[in-house]
Amino acid sequence: MIAQRFILNSQGDLPVPQSVHGAMCDLAGKSAPQECCGILVGEGGVITRLIESENVHPTPETHFEIDPETLIDAYRSERRGGPEVLGFFHSHPSGDPAPSETDQAMAAGDGRIWAIVGVSGVMFWEDKDSGFAALSYTVLDN
């Protein structure tokens, strides 16, 4: 079993700063009809910000791939004491904010957060070894 990499509040919700939630929604809107993507980072298991990434997938209208250099830089920063890589985000410009079959095939089962921005809003998921599990969340004032 993989240890949970993030902290839930006393109500069992994932705390998400308004700045992060808003930035994901803004980026998804600006990127449509292509999928956007990036990395969720934080301190002490709590999301504090996002790192935007170029979507380098050859078909960004239906798939996403975080730029490898951006991802490597985030992990290097973490190893040097910088923010923890808690998870990832991407958009489904014409779909639901639920993991697609492609998302499920790409998942590592590593306990990280996946945030998906869809036409009906944002949902957060835990990438468990048994599959994705929905996370309730609370948007925090900054």
C-alpha atoms as a PDB file:
ATOM      1  CA  MET A   1       0.000   0.000   0.000  1.00  0.00           C
ATOM      2  CA  ILE A   2       1.259   3.457  -0.931  1.00  0.00           C
ATOM      3  CA  ALA A   3       1.331   6.183   1.698  1.00  0.00           C
ATOM      4  CA  GLN A   4      -0.909   9.162   1.064  1.00  0.00           C
ATOM      5  CA  ARG A   5       1.235  12.101  -0.092  1.00  0.00           C
ATOM      6  CA  PHE A   6      -1.163  14.857   0.887  1.00  0.00           C
ATOM      7  CA  ILE A   7      -3.045  16.084   3.950  1.00  0.00           C
ATOM      8  CA  LEU A   8      -6.834  16.338   4.271  1.00  0.00           C
ATOM      9  CA  ASN A   9      -8.472  18.868   6.596  1.00  0.00           C
ATOM     10  CA  SER A  10     -10.519  17.899   9.650  1.00  0.00           C
ATOM     11  CA  GLN A  11     -13.640  17.492   7.475  1.00  0.00           C
ATOM     12  CA  GLY A  12     -11.824  15.008   5.227  1.00  0.00           C
ATOM     13  CA  ASP A  13     -11.528  17.515   2.377  1.00  0.00           C
ATOM     14  CA  LEU A  14      -8.470  18.367   0.340  1.00  0.00           C
ATOM     15  CA  PRO A  15      -7.655  22.055   0.965  1.00  0.00           C
ATOM     16  CA  VAL A  16      -7.041  23.881  -2.334  1.00  0.00           C
ATOM     17  CA  PRO A  17      -5.963  27.534  -2.447  1.00  0.00           C
ATOM     18  CA  GLN A  18      -8.221  29.791  -4.523  1.00  0.00           C
ATOM     19  CA  SER A  19      -5.127  30.892  -6.468  1.00  0.00           C
ATOM     20  CA  VAL A  20      -4.456  27.293  -7.570  1.00  0.00           C
ATOM     21  CA  HIS A  21      -8.094  26.498  -8.338  1.00  0.00           C
ATOM     22  CA  GLY A  22      -8.503  29.747 -10.282  1.00  0.00           C
ATOM     23  CA  ALA A  23      -5.241  29.303 -12.188  1.00  0.00           C
ATOM     24  CA  MET A  24      -6.233  25.800 -13.322  1.00  0.00           C
ATOM     25  CA  CYS A  25      -9.617  27.046 -14.542  1.00  0.00           C
ATOM     26  CA  ASP A  26      -8.072  30.070 -16.290  1.00  0.00           C
ATOM     27  CA  LEU A  27      -5.438  27.957 -18.005  1.00  0.00           C
ATOM     28  CA  ALA A  28      -8.045  25.423 -19.128  1.00  0.00           C
ATOM     29  CA  GLY A  29     -10.140  28.211 -20.630  1.00  0.00           C
ATOM     30  CA  LYS A  30      -7.185  29.781 -22.432  1.00  0.00           C
ATOM     31  CA  SER A  31      -5.924  26.437 -23.742  1.00  0.00           C
ATOM     32  CA  ALA A  32      -9.206  25.106 -25.107  1.00  0.00           C
ATOM     33  CA  PRO A  33      -9.766  23.305 -27.400  1.00  0.00           C
ATOM     34  CA  GLN A  34      -6.432  21.754 -26.400  1.00  0.00           C
ATOM     35  CA  GLU A  35      -5.802  20.113 -23.041  1.00  0.00           C
ATOM     36  CA  CYS A  36      -3.624  22.015 -20.586  1.00  0.00           C
ATOM     37  CA  CYS A  37      -1.469  20.421 -17.923  1.00  0.00           C
ATOM     38  CA  GLY A  38       0.888  21.031 -15.049  1.00  0.00           C
ATOM     39  CA  ILE A  39       2.147  20.016 -11.639  1.00  0.00           C
ATOM     40  CA  LEU A  40       0.635  20.564  -8.190  1.00  0.00           C
ATOM     41  CA  VAL A  41       3.274  21.305  -5.553  1.00  0.00           C
ATOM     42  CA  GLY A  42       3.151  22.083  -1.873  1.00  0.00           C
ATOM     43  CA  GLU A  43       4.642  22.013   1.584  1.00  0.00           C
ATOM     44  CA  GLY A  44       3.920  19.489   4.312  1.00  0.00           C
ATOM     45  CA  GLY A  45       1.455  17.609   2.107  1.00  0.00           C
ATOM     46  CA  VAL A  46      -0.651  20.721   1.407  1.00  0.00           C
ATOM     47  CA  ILE A  47      -1.019  22.176  -2.103  1.00  0.00           C
ATOM     48  CA  THR A  48       0.419  25.693  -2.256  1.00  0.00           C
ATOM     49  CA  ARG A  49       0.811  26.390  -5.975  1.00  0.00           C
ATOM     50  CA  LEU A  50       0.911  24.955  -9.455  1.00  0.00           C
ATOM     51  CA  ILE A  51       3.605  24.797 -12.062  1.00  0.00           C
ATOM     52  CA  GLU A  52       2.220  25.286 -15.549  1.00  0.00           C
ATOM     53  CA  SER A  53       3.650  23.000 -18.221  1.00  0.00           C
ATOM     54  CA  GLU A  54       3.525  22.948 -21.960  1.00  0.00           C
ATOM     55  CA  ASN A  55       1.410  20.066 -23.242  1.00  0.00           C
ATOM     56  CA  VAL A  56       3.925  18.272 -25.444  1.00  0.00           C
ATOM     57  CA  HIS A  57       1.637  15.428 -26.554  1.00  0.00           C
ATOM     58  CA  PRO A  58       1.382  15.148 -30.371  1.00  0.00           C
ATOM     59  CA  THR A  59      -2.442  15.291 -30.154  1.00  0.00           C
ATOM     60  CA  PRO A  60      -3.094  17.899 -27.429  1.00  0.00           C
ATOM     61  CA  GLU A  61      -6.772  18.152 -28.385  1.00  0.00           C
ATOM     62  CA  THR A  62      -7.408  14.763 -26.781  1.00  0.00           C
ATOM     63  CA  HIS A  63      -4.322  13.939 -24.681  1.00  0.00           C
ATOM     64  CA  PHE A  64      -1.791  15.552 -22.405  1.00  0.00           C
ATOM     65  CA  GLU A  65       1.857  15.045 -21.618  1.00  0.00           C
ATOM     66  CA  ILE A  66       3.692  17.234 -19.130  1.00  0.00           C
ATOM     67  CA  ASP A  67       6.906  18.610 -20.595  1.00  0.00           C
ATOM     68  CA  PRO A  68       9.621  16.233 -19.291  1.00  0.00           C
ATOM     69  CA  GLU A  69      12.011  19.099 -18.528  1.00  0.00           C
ATOM     70  CA  THR A  70       9.374  20.831 -16.382  1.00  0.00           C
ATOM     71  CA  LEU A  71       8.701  17.589 -14.516  1.00  0.00           C
ATOM     72  CA  ILE A  72      12.390  16.823 -13.952  1.00  0.00           C
ATOM     73  CA  ASP A  73      12.972  20.389 -12.718  1.00  0.00           C
ATOM     74  CA  ALA A  74      10.105  20.006 -10.211  1.00  0.00           C
ATOM     75  CA  TYR A  75      11.537  16.740  -8.851  1.00  0.00           C
ATOM     76  CA  ARG A  76      15.053  18.216  -8.661  1.00  0.00           C
ATOM     77  CA  SER A  77      13.715  21.186  -6.737  1.00  0.00           C
ATOM     78  CA  GLU A  78      11.913  18.829  -4.352  1.00  0.00           C
ATOM     79  CA  ARG A  79      15.126  16.863  -3.720  1.00  0.00           C
ATOM     80  CA  ARG A  80      16.912  20.130  -2.892  1.00  0.00           C
ATOM     81  CA  GLY A  81      14.294  20.996  -0.261  1.00  0.00           C
ATOM     82  CA  GLY A  82      11.854  22.849  -2.514  1.00  0.00           C
ATOM     83  CA  PRO A  83       8.131  22.222  -2.785  1.00  0.00           C
ATOM     84  CA  GLU A  84       6.911  18.627  -2.871  1.00  0.00           C
ATOM     85  CA  VAL A  85       5.412  17.238  -6.068  1.00  0.00           C
ATOM     86  CA  LEU A  86       1.956  16.312  -4.776  1.00  0.00           C
ATOM     87  CA  GLY A  87       0.260  15.665  -8.075  1.00  0.00           C
ATOM     88  CA  PHE A  88      -0.732  16.833 -11.504  1.00  0.00           C
ATOM     89  CA  PHE A  89      -3.545  18.604 -13.310  1.00  0.00           C
ATOM     90  CA  HIS A  90      -4.933  18.639 -16.798  1.00  0.00           C
ATOM     91  CA  SER A  91      -8.108  19.581 -18.605  1.00  0.00           C
ATOM     92  CA  HIS A  92     -10.821  17.843 -20.576  1.00  0.00           C
ATOM     93  CA  PRO A  93     -11.963  20.795 -22.724  1.00  0.00           C
ATOM     94  CA  SER A  94     -15.098  19.070 -23.985  1.00  0.00           C
ATOM     95  CA  GLY A  95     -15.566  16.393 -21.344  1.00  0.00           C
ATOM     96  CA  ASP A  96     -16.212  15.594 -17.731  1.00  0.00           C
ATOM     97  CA  PRO A  97     -13.642  16.175 -14.983  1.00  0.00           C
ATOM     98  CA  ALA A  98     -13.299  12.424 -14.481  1.00  0.00           C
ATOM     99  CA  PRO A  99     -10.363  10.192 -15.411  1.00  0.00           C
ATOM    100  CA  SER A 100     -10.641   8.967 -18.993  1.00  0.00           C
ATOM    101  CA  GLU A 101      -9.578   5.515 -20.126  1.00  0.00           C
ATOM    102  CA  THR A 102      -6.316   7.106 -21.278  1.00  0.00           C
ATOM    103  CA  ASP A 103      -5.820   8.737 -17.853  1.00  0.00           C
ATOM    104  CA  GLN A 104      -6.408   5.391 -16.164  1.00  0.00           C
ATOM    105  CA  ALA A 105      -3.870   3.706 -18.438  1.00  0.00           C
ATOM    106  CA  MET A 106      -1.290   6.434 -17.682  1.00  0.00           C
ATOM    107  CA  ALA A 107      -1.804   6.347 -13.914  1.00  0.00           C
ATOM    108  CA  ALA A 108       1.080   5.108 -11.793  1.00  0.00           C
ATOM    109  CA  GLY A 109      -0.926   4.164  -8.690  1.00  0.00           C
ATOM    110  CA  ASP A 110       1.502   6.277  -6.679  1.00  0.00           C
ATOM    111  CA  GLY A 111      -0.895   8.079  -4.334  1.00  0.00           C
ATOM    112  CA  ARG A 112      -0.537  11.445  -6.047  1.00  0.00           C
ATOM    113  CA  ILE A 113      -3.359  13.891  -6.712  1.00  0.00           C
ATOM    114  CA  TRP A 114      -4.823  14.312 -10.171  1.00  0.00           C
ATOM    115  CA  ALA A 115      -6.950  17.403 -10.707  1.00  0.00           C
ATOM    116  CA  ILE A 116      -9.054  17.453 -13.850  1.00  0.00           C
ATOM    117  CA  VAL A 117     -10.806  20.548 -15.172  1.00  0.00           C
ATOM    118  CA  GLY A 118     -13.819  19.684 -17.315  1.00  0.00           C
ATOM    119  CA  VAL A 119     -16.802  21.501 -18.749  1.00  0.00           C
ATOM    120  CA  SER A 120     -18.762  20.976 -15.524  1.00  0.00           C
ATOM    121  CA  GLY A 121     -16.002  22.080 -13.128  1.00  0.00           C
ATOM    122  CA  VAL A 122     -12.974  20.692 -11.326  1.00  0.00           C
ATOM    123  CA  MET A 123     -12.578  17.355  -9.586  1.00  0.00           C
ATOM    124  CA  PHE A 124      -9.662  15.997  -7.604  1.00  0.00           C
ATOM    125  CA  TRP A 125      -8.668  12.353  -7.580  1.00  0.00           C
ATOM    126  CA  GLU A 126      -6.210  10.194  -5.679  1.00  0.00           C
ATOM    127  CA  ASP A 127      -4.194   7.904  -7.944  1.00  0.00           C
ATOM    128  CA  LYS A 128      -4.352   4.746  -5.838  1.00  0.00           C
ATOM    129  CA  ASP A 129      -2.857   1.402  -6.772  1.00  0.00           C
ATOM    130  CA  SER A 130      -6.457   0.132  -7.079  1.00  0.00           C
ATOM    131  CA  GLY A 131      -7.476   2.988  -9.408  1.00  0.00           C
ATOM    132  CA  PHE A 132      -8.662   6.574  -9.041  1.00  0.00           C
ATOM    133  CA  ALA A 133     -10.642   7.589  -5.963  1.00  0.00           C
ATOM    134  CA  ALA A 134     -12.574  10.880  -5.896  1.00  0.00           C
ATOM    135  CA  LEU A 135     -11.493  13.446  -3.310  1.00  0.00           C
ATOM    136  CA  SER A 136     -13.809  16.062  -1.881  1.00  0.00           C
ATOM    137  CA  TYR A 137     -12.146  19.454  -1.617  1.00  0.00           C
ATOM    138  CA  THR A 138     -12.535  22.906  -0.141  1.00  0.00           C
ATOM    139  CA  VAL A 139     -11.340  26.034  -1.947  1.00  0.00           C
ATOM    140  CA  LEU A 140      -9.520  28.271   0.523  1.00  0.00           C
ATOM    141  CA  ASP A 141      -9.253  32.034   0.460  1.00  0.00           C
ATOM    142  CA  ASN A 142      -5.633  33.054  -0.091  1.00  0.00           C
END
